[in-house]
Structures are given as C-alpha cells and as structure tokens.
Amino acid sequence: MANSGKGTFQPDSDVHISYEDQQKINKFARLNAKVDDIKDELKVKQNDMKNLEEAVEELSLTDDSETIPCLIGEVFICQSLDNTLKSLEDAKAKKEGEIGELKHKCDELKSQMSELKSHLYGKFGSHINLENEEE
C-alpha cells in the first residue's frame, strides 16, 4: 500500500532526532505558544490603556462642578472630577505596570527561544523551520 499522493511523509534518512532534541523542539513550541498568548494579552492591555487615556482627555473638557458616573464592578458611582481623574491615573499606572511585566516576560521567553533556535538550527540546519509565519 504505497502512497504516492501529495503530502505523504518521507523521512530523510540522514537526519536523526534524539529524545533530547525532540524535547528541545517541544519546549520551543511551548515557548512560542506562550509568546503568542502574551502578545495577545499585551494588545488587550494596550487597548485598555488607550481607552483610559481617551477618558482622561474627554474629562478635561467637562465642567469642574459636574459629578462623573464611574462604573465600579456592576454599579455606577458618581464622583467629583478630581476623584475620577485620580482613579483614572491610578488605573493607568497599574496598567503600565502590567504592560511592563508582560513585555519583560515576553523578552525572557524570546531569549530562551533564541538559545533553543541556535542549538536546533546548528544541529538540523535547513531540515527544521522554527520561524513564525507572520514574521
């Protein structure tokens, strides 16, 4: 039952993958998936940050004597403009910290991936492809 159709797997006889090499390939794949997840989370947090900045800009146009309804959990609470701006600045600072942590985590994972990539490319050369499709 020989398959001669497209997409059949024909192993290359001169490439041997040891158990340790397979573990490194698997680790690279797991790290790559984590980096993708972190990038997605980073986009969400950056969008949240943009929304907070836009809220601060919009509030700068309001009258100082107005109370601002703020959604906290599931309830709207009316606050003064100063309290609302302070709350937004606190939220922005927290979000900046979260973004910084995510960027740091992403850099650490990329560094580990780079080490694995150099080892795997050194061993397998053109027989392995570890590049992302979008890069």
N, C-alpha and C. Protein backbone atom coordinates (compact mmCIF):
# COMPACT_ATOMS: atom_id res chain seq x y z
N MET A 1 0.83 -1.18 0.00
CA MET A 1 0.00 0.00 0.00
C MET A 1 0.88 1.25 0.00
N ALA A 2 1.54 1.49 -1.04
CA ALA A 2 2.42 2.64 -1.14
C ALA A 2 1.60 3.87 -1.49
N ASN A 3 1.78 4.93 -0.73
CA ASN A 3 1.12 6.20 -1.01
C ASN A 3 2.02 7.02 -1.90
N SER A 4 1.50 7.40 -3.04
CA SER A 4 2.29 8.25 -3.91
C SER A 4 1.64 9.63 -4.03
N GLY A 5 0.62 9.92 -3.22
CA GLY A 5 -0.09 11.19 -3.30
C GLY A 5 0.67 12.32 -2.65
N LYS A 6 0.13 13.53 -2.81
CA LYS A 6 0.74 14.70 -2.23
C LYS A 6 0.66 14.63 -0.71
N GLY A 7 1.64 15.18 -0.05
CA GLY A 7 1.62 15.29 1.39
C GLY A 7 2.04 14.03 2.13
N THR A 8 2.54 13.05 1.43
CA THR A 8 2.99 11.86 2.14
C THR A 8 4.31 12.16 2.81
N PHE A 9 4.51 11.58 3.96
CA PHE A 9 5.72 11.81 4.74
C PHE A 9 6.80 10.84 4.31
N GLN A 10 7.91 11.38 3.92
CA GLN A 10 9.05 10.55 3.57
C GLN A 10 10.22 10.99 4.43
N PRO A 11 10.55 10.21 5.46
CA PRO A 11 11.61 10.63 6.36
C PRO A 11 12.96 10.73 5.65
N ASP A 12 13.72 11.72 6.04
CA ASP A 12 15.05 11.92 5.49
C ASP A 12 15.99 10.99 6.25
N SER A 13 16.67 10.14 5.55
CA SER A 13 17.46 9.09 6.19
C SER A 13 18.68 9.62 6.93
N ASP A 14 19.17 10.83 6.59
CA ASP A 14 20.38 11.30 7.24
C ASP A 14 20.10 12.20 8.45
N VAL A 15 18.85 12.42 8.82
CA VAL A 15 18.51 13.25 9.96
C VAL A 15 18.00 12.35 11.08
N HIS A 16 18.73 12.34 12.17
CA HIS A 16 18.31 11.57 13.35
C HIS A 16 17.94 12.54 14.46
N ILE A 17 16.76 12.37 15.01
CA ILE A 17 16.30 13.24 16.10
C ILE A 17 16.33 12.43 17.38
N SER A 18 17.17 12.84 18.29
CA SER A 18 17.27 12.15 19.58
C SER A 18 16.12 12.60 20.48
N TYR A 19 15.94 11.90 21.57
CA TYR A 19 14.90 12.24 22.53
C TYR A 19 15.12 13.66 23.08
N GLU A 20 16.37 14.00 23.37
CA GLU A 20 16.69 15.33 23.90
C GLU A 20 16.38 16.42 22.88
N ASP A 21 16.67 16.14 21.61
CA ASP A 21 16.36 17.11 20.56
C ASP A 21 14.85 17.30 20.43
N GLN A 22 14.10 16.22 20.53
CA GLN A 22 12.64 16.32 20.45
C GLN A 22 12.11 17.13 21.63
N GLN A 23 12.71 16.94 22.80
CA GLN A 23 12.30 17.70 23.98
C GLN A 23 12.57 19.19 23.75
N LYS A 24 13.69 19.52 23.13
CA LYS A 24 14.02 20.92 22.85
C LYS A 24 13.05 21.51 21.82
N ILE A 25 12.69 20.72 20.83
CA ILE A 25 11.72 21.19 19.82
C ILE A 25 10.37 21.44 20.49
N ASN A 26 9.97 20.53 21.37
CA ASN A 26 8.70 20.68 22.08
C ASN A 26 8.73 21.91 22.99
N LYS A 27 9.84 22.11 23.67
CA LYS A 27 9.98 23.28 24.56
C LYS A 27 9.89 24.56 23.74
N PHE A 28 10.55 24.57 22.58
CA PHE A 28 10.48 25.75 21.70
C PHE A 28 9.03 26.03 21.30
N ALA A 29 8.29 24.97 20.96
CA ALA A 29 6.89 25.15 20.55
C ALA A 29 6.05 25.69 21.70
N ARG A 30 6.28 25.19 22.92
CA ARG A 30 5.54 25.68 24.08
C ARG A 30 5.86 27.14 24.35
N LEU A 31 7.14 27.50 24.28
CA LEU A 31 7.55 28.89 24.49
C LEU A 31 6.95 29.80 23.42
N ASN A 32 6.93 29.33 22.19
CA ASN A 32 6.35 30.10 21.09
C ASN A 32 4.87 30.35 21.33
N ALA A 33 4.16 29.33 21.81
CA ALA A 33 2.73 29.49 22.10
C ALA A 33 2.52 30.48 23.24
N LYS A 34 3.39 30.44 24.27
CA LYS A 34 3.29 31.40 25.37
C LYS A 34 3.53 32.82 24.88
N VAL A 35 4.52 32.99 24.01
CA VAL A 35 4.81 34.32 23.47
C VAL A 35 3.60 34.85 22.70
N ASP A 36 2.97 33.99 21.91
CA ASP A 36 1.78 34.41 21.17
C ASP A 36 0.66 34.81 22.13
N ASP A 37 0.47 34.05 23.20
CA ASP A 37 -0.56 34.39 24.19
C ASP A 37 -0.25 35.72 24.86
N ILE A 38 1.02 35.93 25.20
CA ILE A 38 1.42 37.19 25.84
C ILE A 38 1.21 38.36 24.89
N LYS A 39 1.53 38.17 23.62
CA LYS A 39 1.32 39.24 22.63
C LYS A 39 -0.16 39.61 22.54
N ASP A 40 -1.04 38.60 22.56
CA ASP A 40 -2.47 38.86 22.52
C ASP A 40 -2.91 39.62 23.76
N GLU A 41 -2.43 39.20 24.93
CA GLU A 41 -2.78 39.86 26.18
C GLU A 41 -2.24 41.29 26.20
N LEU A 42 -1.05 41.46 25.64
CA LEU A 42 -0.44 42.79 25.57
C LEU A 42 -1.28 43.73 24.71
N LYS A 43 -1.79 43.24 23.59
CA LYS A 43 -2.65 44.07 22.74
C LYS A 43 -3.89 44.52 23.49
N VAL A 44 -4.49 43.62 24.28
CA VAL A 44 -5.69 43.96 25.05
C VAL A 44 -5.36 45.03 26.08
N LYS A 45 -4.25 44.86 26.79
CA LYS A 45 -3.87 45.83 27.83
C LYS A 45 -3.50 47.18 27.21
N GLN A 46 -2.85 47.17 26.06
CA GLN A 46 -2.53 48.44 25.40
C GLN A 46 -3.80 49.14 24.93
N ASN A 47 -4.79 48.38 24.49
CA ASN A 47 -6.06 48.96 24.10
C ASN A 47 -6.77 49.55 25.33
N ASP A 48 -6.71 48.83 26.45
CA ASP A 48 -7.29 49.36 27.70
C ASP A 48 -6.61 50.67 28.08
N MET A 49 -5.29 50.72 27.94
CA MET A 49 -4.53 51.92 28.26
C MET A 49 -4.96 53.09 27.38
N LYS A 50 -5.15 52.80 26.10
CA LYS A 50 -5.59 53.83 25.16
C LYS A 50 -6.97 54.35 25.57
N ASN A 51 -7.86 53.45 26.00
CA ASN A 51 -9.19 53.87 26.44
C ASN A 51 -9.11 54.74 27.68
N LEU A 52 -8.22 54.40 28.61
CA LEU A 52 -8.06 55.22 29.81
C LEU A 52 -7.55 56.62 29.45
N GLU A 53 -6.59 56.68 28.53
CA GLU A 53 -6.05 57.98 28.11
C GLU A 53 -7.13 58.83 27.43
N GLU A 54 -7.97 58.19 26.61
CA GLU A 54 -9.06 58.91 25.96
C GLU A 54 -10.08 59.40 26.98
N ALA A 55 -10.32 58.61 28.02
CA ALA A 55 -11.25 59.03 29.06
C ALA A 55 -10.72 60.27 29.78
N VAL A 56 -9.41 60.30 30.07
CA VAL A 56 -8.81 61.46 30.72
C VAL A 56 -8.95 62.69 29.83
N GLU A 57 -8.72 62.51 28.52
CA GLU A 57 -8.85 63.63 27.58
C GLU A 57 -10.29 64.15 27.54
N GLU A 58 -11.24 63.26 27.52
CA GLU A 58 -12.65 63.67 27.48
C GLU A 58 -13.05 64.39 28.77
N LEU A 59 -12.54 63.91 29.89
CA LEU A 59 -12.88 64.53 31.17
C LEU A 59 -12.28 65.92 31.30
N SER A 60 -11.20 66.19 30.59
CA SER A 60 -10.60 67.52 30.66
C SER A 60 -11.52 68.57 30.04
N LEU A 61 -12.49 68.12 29.27
CA LEU A 61 -13.42 69.05 28.64
C LEU A 61 -14.66 69.32 29.49
N THR A 62 -14.83 68.60 30.60
CA THR A 62 -16.04 68.77 31.41
C THR A 62 -15.88 69.88 32.42
N ASP A 63 -16.99 70.30 32.97
CA ASP A 63 -17.04 71.35 33.99
C ASP A 63 -16.61 70.77 35.34
N ASP A 64 -15.84 71.54 36.11
CA ASP A 64 -15.34 71.06 37.41
C ASP A 64 -16.45 70.75 38.40
N SER A 65 -17.59 71.37 38.24
CA SER A 65 -18.67 71.19 39.23
C SER A 65 -19.52 69.94 38.95
N GLU A 66 -19.33 69.32 37.81
CA GLU A 66 -20.13 68.13 37.47
C GLU A 66 -19.63 66.91 38.23
N THR A 67 -20.59 66.01 38.53
CA THR A 67 -20.19 64.71 39.07
C THR A 67 -20.14 63.73 37.91
N ILE A 68 -19.20 62.84 37.99
CA ILE A 68 -18.94 61.90 36.90
C ILE A 68 -19.39 60.50 37.35
N PRO A 69 -20.29 59.87 36.58
CA PRO A 69 -20.65 58.48 36.94
C PRO A 69 -19.53 57.53 36.50
N CYS A 70 -19.05 56.74 37.46
CA CYS A 70 -17.98 55.79 37.18
C CYS A 70 -18.48 54.39 37.45
N LEU A 71 -18.19 53.48 36.54
CA LEU A 71 -18.59 52.09 36.70
C LEU A 71 -17.55 51.37 37.54
N ILE A 72 -17.97 50.90 38.69
CA ILE A 72 -17.11 50.13 39.58
C ILE A 72 -17.80 48.80 39.81
N GLY A 73 -17.23 47.75 39.23
CA GLY A 73 -17.89 46.44 39.30
C GLY A 73 -19.14 46.47 38.43
N GLU A 74 -20.29 46.37 39.08
CA GLU A 74 -21.57 46.40 38.35
C GLU A 74 -22.41 47.62 38.69
N VAL A 75 -21.81 48.59 39.41
CA VAL A 75 -22.55 49.73 39.91
C VAL A 75 -21.89 51.02 39.44
N PHE A 76 -22.73 52.01 39.10
CA PHE A 76 -22.22 53.33 38.79
C PHE A 76 -22.19 54.15 40.06
N ILE A 77 -21.05 54.79 40.31
CA ILE A 77 -20.89 55.67 41.47
C ILE A 77 -20.53 57.05 40.94
N CYS A 78 -21.23 58.06 41.41
CA CYS A 78 -20.93 59.43 41.00
C CYS A 78 -19.81 59.98 41.86
N GLN A 79 -18.79 60.53 41.18
CA GLN A 79 -17.63 61.09 41.86
C GLN A 79 -17.37 62.49 41.33
N SER A 80 -16.59 63.24 42.09
CA SER A 80 -16.17 64.55 41.60
C SER A 80 -15.15 64.35 40.49
N LEU A 81 -14.91 65.39 39.74
CA LEU A 81 -13.96 65.32 38.63
C LEU A 81 -12.56 64.96 39.14
N ASP A 82 -12.15 65.58 40.25
CA ASP A 82 -10.81 65.31 40.79
C ASP A 82 -10.66 63.84 41.19
N ASN A 83 -11.65 63.30 41.88
CA ASN A 83 -11.58 61.89 42.29
C ASN A 83 -11.58 60.96 41.08
N THR A 84 -12.35 61.32 40.07
CA THR A 84 -12.41 60.49 38.87
C THR A 84 -11.06 60.51 38.15
N LEU A 85 -10.46 61.69 38.01
CA LEU A 85 -9.16 61.79 37.36
C LEU A 85 -8.09 61.03 38.15
N LYS A 86 -8.15 61.10 39.49
CA LYS A 86 -7.20 60.35 40.31
C LYS A 86 -7.40 58.85 40.10
N SER A 87 -8.63 58.40 40.04
CA SER A 87 -8.91 56.97 39.80
C SER A 87 -8.38 56.52 38.45
N LEU A 88 -8.55 57.37 37.44
CA LEU A 88 -8.07 57.04 36.11
C LEU A 88 -6.54 57.00 36.07
N GLU A 89 -5.89 57.93 36.76
CA GLU A 89 -4.43 57.95 36.80
C GLU A 89 -3.90 56.71 37.52
N ASP A 90 -4.58 56.31 38.60
CA ASP A 90 -4.18 55.08 39.31
C ASP A 90 -4.35 53.86 38.40
N ALA A 91 -5.45 53.82 37.66
CA ALA A 91 -5.70 52.71 36.74
C ALA A 91 -4.65 52.68 35.63
N LYS A 92 -4.27 53.87 35.14
CA LYS A 92 -3.24 53.94 34.10
C LYS A 92 -1.90 53.45 34.63
N ALA A 93 -1.54 53.84 35.84
CA ALA A 93 -0.27 53.41 36.42
C ALA A 93 -0.26 51.89 36.59
N LYS A 94 -1.36 51.34 37.05
CA LYS A 94 -1.45 49.89 37.22
C LYS A 94 -1.32 49.19 35.87
N LYS A 95 -2.01 49.72 34.87
CA LYS A 95 -1.97 49.12 33.53
C LYS A 95 -0.56 49.22 32.94
N GLU A 96 0.14 50.33 33.16
CA GLU A 96 1.52 50.47 32.68
C GLU A 96 2.42 49.43 33.31
N GLY A 97 2.21 49.17 34.60
CA GLY A 97 2.98 48.14 35.28
C GLY A 97 2.73 46.76 34.69
N GLU A 98 1.46 46.47 34.42
CA GLU A 98 1.11 45.18 33.82
C GLU A 98 1.72 45.03 32.43
N ILE A 99 1.69 46.10 31.66
CA ILE A 99 2.27 46.08 30.31
C ILE A 99 3.78 45.86 30.40
N GLY A 100 4.43 46.53 31.33
CA GLY A 100 5.87 46.36 31.52
C GLY A 100 6.23 44.92 31.90
N GLU A 101 5.43 44.33 32.80
CA GLU A 101 5.66 42.94 33.20
C GLU A 101 5.52 42.00 32.01
N LEU A 102 4.48 42.22 31.20
CA LEU A 102 4.26 41.36 30.04
C LEU A 102 5.40 41.48 29.04
N LYS A 103 5.87 42.69 28.81
CA LYS A 103 6.98 42.89 27.88
C LYS A 103 8.24 42.21 28.39
N HIS A 104 8.48 42.31 29.70
CA HIS A 104 9.65 41.66 30.29
C HIS A 104 9.55 40.14 30.16
N LYS A 105 8.37 39.60 30.44
CA LYS A 105 8.16 38.16 30.33
C LYS A 105 8.36 37.70 28.89
N CYS A 106 7.85 38.49 27.94
CA CYS A 106 7.98 38.16 26.52
C CYS A 106 9.46 38.17 26.11
N ASP A 107 10.22 39.14 26.58
CA ASP A 107 11.65 39.22 26.26
C ASP A 107 12.40 38.01 26.82
N GLU A 108 12.05 37.60 28.05
CA GLU A 108 12.69 36.42 28.64
C GLU A 108 12.42 35.17 27.81
N LEU A 109 11.16 35.00 27.41
CA LEU A 109 10.80 33.82 26.61
C LEU A 109 11.50 33.85 25.26
N LYS A 110 11.58 35.02 24.64
CA LYS A 110 12.26 35.14 23.35
C LYS A 110 13.74 34.82 23.48
N SER A 111 14.33 35.19 24.60
CA SER A 111 15.74 34.87 24.81
C SER A 111 15.94 33.36 24.92
N GLN A 112 15.05 32.68 25.65
CA GLN A 112 15.13 31.22 25.74
C GLN A 112 14.92 30.58 24.36
N MET A 113 13.97 31.13 23.62
CA MET A 113 13.70 30.61 22.28
C MET A 113 14.91 30.80 21.37
N SER A 114 15.59 31.92 21.50
CA SER A 114 16.76 32.19 20.67
C SER A 114 17.86 31.17 20.93
N GLU A 115 18.06 30.83 22.22
CA GLU A 115 19.07 29.82 22.54
C GLU A 115 18.70 28.47 21.94
N LEU A 116 17.42 28.09 22.10
CA LEU A 116 16.98 26.81 21.54
C LEU A 116 17.08 26.82 20.02
N LYS A 117 16.71 27.95 19.42
CA LYS A 117 16.74 28.07 17.97
C LYS A 117 18.16 27.92 17.43
N SER A 118 19.12 28.56 18.08
CA SER A 118 20.50 28.47 17.60
C SER A 118 21.02 27.04 17.74
N HIS A 119 20.67 26.36 18.83
CA HIS A 119 21.10 24.97 19.01
C HIS A 119 20.46 24.07 17.94
N LEU A 120 19.15 24.23 17.75
CA LEU A 120 18.44 23.35 16.81
C LEU A 120 18.85 23.61 15.36
N TYR A 121 19.01 24.89 15.00
CA TYR A 121 19.47 25.18 13.64
C TYR A 121 20.90 24.69 13.44
N GLY A 122 21.72 24.78 14.49
CA GLY A 122 23.10 24.29 14.39
C GLY A 122 23.13 22.79 14.15
N LYS A 123 22.19 22.08 14.74
CA LYS A 123 22.18 20.63 14.61
C LYS A 123 21.46 20.17 13.34
N PHE A 124 20.33 20.81 13.02
CA PHE A 124 19.49 20.32 11.91
C PHE A 124 19.56 21.18 10.65
N GLY A 125 20.11 22.36 10.73
CA GLY A 125 20.25 23.21 9.55
C GLY A 125 18.92 23.49 8.87
N SER A 126 18.87 23.23 7.58
CA SER A 126 17.66 23.53 6.80
C SER A 126 16.59 22.46 6.95
N HIS A 127 16.84 21.44 7.74
CA HIS A 127 15.85 20.38 7.93
C HIS A 127 14.78 20.75 8.94
N ILE A 128 14.93 21.92 9.56
CA ILE A 128 13.96 22.35 10.55
C ILE A 128 13.61 23.81 10.30
N ASN A 129 12.33 24.15 10.53
CA ASN A 129 11.88 25.53 10.35
C ASN A 129 11.25 25.99 11.65
N LEU A 130 11.87 26.95 12.31
CA LEU A 130 11.39 27.46 13.59
C LEU A 130 10.93 28.91 13.49
N GLU A 131 10.73 29.41 12.31
CA GLU A 131 10.32 30.80 12.12
C GLU A 131 8.80 30.92 12.15
N ASN A 132 8.31 32.03 12.75
CA ASN A 132 6.87 32.31 12.73
C ASN A 132 6.46 32.71 11.33
N GLU A 133 5.22 32.36 11.00
CA GLU A 133 4.72 32.69 9.66
C GLU A 133 4.56 34.19 9.47
N GLU A 134 4.15 34.93 10.53
CA GLU A 134 3.89 36.35 10.37
C GLU A 134 5.15 37.20 10.42
N GLU A 135 6.27 36.64 10.90
CA GLU A 135 7.50 37.44 10.99
C GLU A 135 8.23 37.52 9.69
